[in-house]
N, C-alpha and C. Protein backbone atom coordinates (compact mmCIF):
# COMPACT_ATOMS: atom_id res chain seq x y z
N MET A 1 -23.05 -10.74 -2.44
CA MET A 1 -21.78 -10.54 -3.09
C MET A 1 -21.43 -9.06 -3.19
N SER A 2 -22.44 -8.20 -3.28
CA SER A 2 -22.17 -6.77 -3.38
C SER A 2 -21.58 -6.23 -2.08
N GLU A 3 -21.93 -6.83 -0.95
CA GLU A 3 -21.36 -6.40 0.33
C GLU A 3 -19.87 -6.71 0.37
N ILE A 4 -19.48 -7.87 -0.15
CA ILE A 4 -18.07 -8.24 -0.18
C ILE A 4 -17.30 -7.29 -1.09
N ASP A 5 -17.89 -6.95 -2.23
CA ASP A 5 -17.24 -6.02 -3.15
C ASP A 5 -17.07 -4.64 -2.53
N SER A 6 -18.07 -4.18 -1.80
CA SER A 6 -17.95 -2.86 -1.18
C SER A 6 -16.90 -2.85 -0.07
N VAL A 7 -16.83 -3.93 0.69
CA VAL A 7 -15.80 -4.04 1.74
C VAL A 7 -14.42 -4.12 1.09
N THR A 8 -14.31 -4.87 0.01
CA THR A 8 -13.03 -4.98 -0.69
C THR A 8 -12.58 -3.63 -1.24
N ASN A 9 -13.50 -2.90 -1.83
CA ASN A 9 -13.16 -1.57 -2.35
C ASN A 9 -12.75 -0.63 -1.23
N LEU A 10 -13.40 -0.74 -0.08
CA LEU A 10 -13.01 0.07 1.08
C LEU A 10 -11.60 -0.28 1.54
N LEU A 11 -11.29 -1.58 1.59
CA LEU A 11 -9.95 -2.00 2.00
C LEU A 11 -8.88 -1.56 1.00
N ILE A 12 -9.22 -1.60 -0.28
CA ILE A 12 -8.26 -1.13 -1.29
C ILE A 12 -7.96 0.35 -1.08
N GLY A 13 -9.00 1.13 -0.85
CA GLY A 13 -8.81 2.57 -0.61
C GLY A 13 -8.02 2.85 0.65
N LEU A 14 -8.35 2.14 1.73
CA LEU A 14 -7.62 2.35 2.99
C LEU A 14 -6.16 1.94 2.86
N THR A 15 -5.91 0.86 2.15
CA THR A 15 -4.53 0.41 1.95
C THR A 15 -3.73 1.43 1.16
N ALA A 16 -4.30 1.92 0.09
CA ALA A 16 -3.61 2.91 -0.74
C ALA A 16 -3.37 4.21 0.02
N ILE A 17 -4.39 4.68 0.74
CA ILE A 17 -4.23 5.92 1.51
C ILE A 17 -3.21 5.75 2.62
N GLY A 18 -3.25 4.61 3.29
CA GLY A 18 -2.29 4.35 4.38
C GLY A 18 -0.86 4.29 3.89
N CYS A 19 -0.64 3.60 2.79
CA CYS A 19 0.72 3.51 2.25
C CYS A 19 1.20 4.86 1.73
N ALA A 20 0.32 5.61 1.09
CA ALA A 20 0.72 6.94 0.61
C ALA A 20 1.07 7.86 1.78
N ALA A 21 0.29 7.78 2.85
CA ALA A 21 0.58 8.59 4.03
C ALA A 21 1.91 8.17 4.66
N ARG A 22 2.15 6.86 4.72
CA ARG A 22 3.40 6.36 5.30
C ARG A 22 4.60 6.84 4.48
N ILE A 23 4.49 6.76 3.17
CA ILE A 23 5.59 7.19 2.30
C ILE A 23 5.81 8.69 2.43
N LEU A 24 4.73 9.47 2.49
CA LEU A 24 4.84 10.92 2.65
C LEU A 24 5.50 11.27 3.97
N ILE A 25 5.12 10.61 5.04
CA ILE A 25 5.73 10.85 6.35
C ILE A 25 7.21 10.51 6.31
N LEU A 26 7.56 9.41 5.66
CA LEU A 26 8.98 9.03 5.58
C LEU A 26 9.78 10.02 4.75
N PHE A 27 9.19 10.56 3.66
CA PHE A 27 9.89 11.58 2.88
C PHE A 27 10.13 12.84 3.72
N ILE A 28 9.14 13.24 4.48
CA ILE A 28 9.31 14.41 5.36
C ILE A 28 10.37 14.13 6.42
N LYS A 29 10.33 12.93 6.98
CA LYS A 29 11.31 12.55 7.99
C LYS A 29 12.73 12.54 7.41
N MET A 30 12.85 12.14 6.14
CA MET A 30 14.17 12.14 5.50
C MET A 30 14.73 13.55 5.40
N GLN A 31 13.86 14.54 5.17
CA GLN A 31 14.31 15.91 5.00
C GLN A 31 14.84 16.52 6.30
N ILE A 32 14.32 16.06 7.43
CA ILE A 32 14.72 16.66 8.71
C ILE A 32 15.63 15.77 9.53
N SER A 33 15.98 14.59 9.01
CA SER A 33 16.78 13.67 9.80
C SER A 33 18.27 13.85 9.53
N GLU A 34 19.04 13.14 10.30
CA GLU A 34 20.49 13.13 10.14
C GLU A 34 20.85 12.33 8.89
N PRO A 35 22.02 12.60 8.31
CA PRO A 35 22.41 11.87 7.09
C PRO A 35 22.53 10.35 7.28
N GLU A 36 22.85 9.92 8.50
CA GLU A 36 22.98 8.48 8.74
C GLU A 36 21.63 7.77 8.70
N GLU A 37 20.55 8.48 8.97
CA GLU A 37 19.23 7.88 9.03
C GLU A 37 18.51 7.87 7.68
N ILE A 38 19.09 8.49 6.68
CA ILE A 38 18.43 8.59 5.37
C ILE A 38 18.32 7.21 4.71
N ASN A 39 19.37 6.39 4.81
CA ASN A 39 19.32 5.06 4.20
C ASN A 39 18.24 4.20 4.85
N GLU A 40 18.06 4.34 6.14
CA GLU A 40 17.01 3.60 6.84
C GLU A 40 15.63 4.02 6.33
N SER A 41 15.44 5.31 6.12
CA SER A 41 14.16 5.80 5.61
C SER A 41 13.92 5.34 4.17
N LYS A 42 14.99 5.30 3.37
CA LYS A 42 14.85 4.82 1.99
C LYS A 42 14.40 3.36 1.98
N GLY A 43 14.95 2.56 2.87
CA GLY A 43 14.55 1.16 2.96
C GLY A 43 13.10 1.01 3.38
N ARG A 44 12.66 1.85 4.30
CA ARG A 44 11.26 1.79 4.74
C ARG A 44 10.31 2.24 3.64
N ILE A 45 10.73 3.23 2.85
CA ILE A 45 9.91 3.67 1.72
C ILE A 45 9.79 2.54 0.70
N LYS A 46 10.89 1.87 0.44
CA LYS A 46 10.88 0.75 -0.50
C LYS A 46 9.96 -0.35 0.02
N ASN A 47 10.03 -0.67 1.31
CA ASN A 47 9.18 -1.70 1.89
C ASN A 47 7.70 -1.32 1.80
N ALA A 48 7.39 -0.06 2.01
CA ALA A 48 6.00 0.38 1.93
C ALA A 48 5.49 0.26 0.49
N ALA A 49 6.33 0.60 -0.48
CA ALA A 49 5.93 0.48 -1.88
C ALA A 49 5.73 -0.98 -2.28
N VAL A 50 6.59 -1.86 -1.80
CA VAL A 50 6.45 -3.29 -2.09
C VAL A 50 5.17 -3.82 -1.44
N PHE A 51 4.89 -3.41 -0.21
CA PHE A 51 3.66 -3.83 0.45
C PHE A 51 2.44 -3.39 -0.33
N LEU A 52 2.45 -2.16 -0.80
CA LEU A 52 1.32 -1.65 -1.58
C LEU A 52 1.13 -2.46 -2.86
N ALA A 53 2.22 -2.77 -3.54
CA ALA A 53 2.12 -3.54 -4.78
C ALA A 53 1.57 -4.94 -4.50
N ILE A 54 2.04 -5.59 -3.46
CA ILE A 54 1.56 -6.93 -3.13
C ILE A 54 0.10 -6.89 -2.69
N ALA A 55 -0.26 -5.92 -1.87
CA ALA A 55 -1.64 -5.82 -1.39
C ALA A 55 -2.61 -5.57 -2.53
N LEU A 56 -2.27 -4.69 -3.46
CA LEU A 56 -3.14 -4.43 -4.59
C LEU A 56 -3.19 -5.61 -5.55
N SER A 57 -2.11 -6.37 -5.62
CA SER A 57 -2.10 -7.57 -6.46
C SER A 57 -3.07 -8.62 -5.92
N VAL A 58 -3.15 -8.74 -4.60
CA VAL A 58 -4.07 -9.70 -4.00
C VAL A 58 -5.51 -9.33 -4.34
N PHE A 59 -5.84 -8.05 -4.26
CA PHE A 59 -7.20 -7.62 -4.58
C PHE A 59 -7.48 -7.80 -6.07
N SER A 60 -6.49 -7.58 -6.91
CA SER A 60 -6.68 -7.79 -8.35
C SER A 60 -6.88 -9.27 -8.65
N LEU A 61 -6.12 -10.12 -7.99
CA LEU A 61 -6.27 -11.56 -8.16
C LEU A 61 -7.66 -12.01 -7.73
N LYS A 62 -8.17 -11.43 -6.66
CA LYS A 62 -9.52 -11.76 -6.19
C LYS A 62 -10.55 -11.39 -7.24
N SER A 63 -10.43 -10.23 -7.84
CA SER A 63 -11.40 -9.82 -8.85
C SER A 63 -11.30 -10.68 -10.11
N ILE A 64 -10.10 -11.10 -10.46
CA ILE A 64 -9.94 -11.99 -11.62
C ILE A 64 -10.59 -13.34 -11.35
N LEU A 65 -10.37 -13.89 -10.16
CA LEU A 65 -10.97 -15.17 -9.82
C LEU A 65 -12.49 -15.10 -9.75
N VAL A 66 -13.01 -14.02 -9.19
CA VAL A 66 -14.47 -13.87 -9.13
C VAL A 66 -15.04 -13.73 -10.53
N GLY A 67 -14.36 -13.02 -11.40
CA GLY A 67 -14.81 -12.87 -12.77
C GLY A 67 -14.75 -14.19 -13.55
N TYR A 68 -13.77 -14.99 -13.25
CA TYR A 68 -13.61 -16.25 -13.97
C TYR A 68 -14.59 -17.31 -13.48
N PHE A 69 -14.70 -17.45 -12.15
CA PHE A 69 -15.56 -18.49 -11.59
C PHE A 69 -16.97 -18.02 -11.28
N GLY A 70 -17.18 -16.70 -11.25
CA GLY A 70 -18.49 -16.17 -10.88
C GLY A 70 -19.35 -16.07 -12.04
């Protein structure tokens, strides 16, 4: 079970780092892009934030279930 927990913690870290990097890249891209492309970047930032929230919720749900049934 400890191997699963370590892999899960690794995935949580990679997910958070990946989403933070994606959002940072999109913010930088917004600064150098044309005004018409800013709304598209805002939508992508929103989608990345929603993905991060859903992904972290899944891992939290897993830990709750393991704590309850384990």
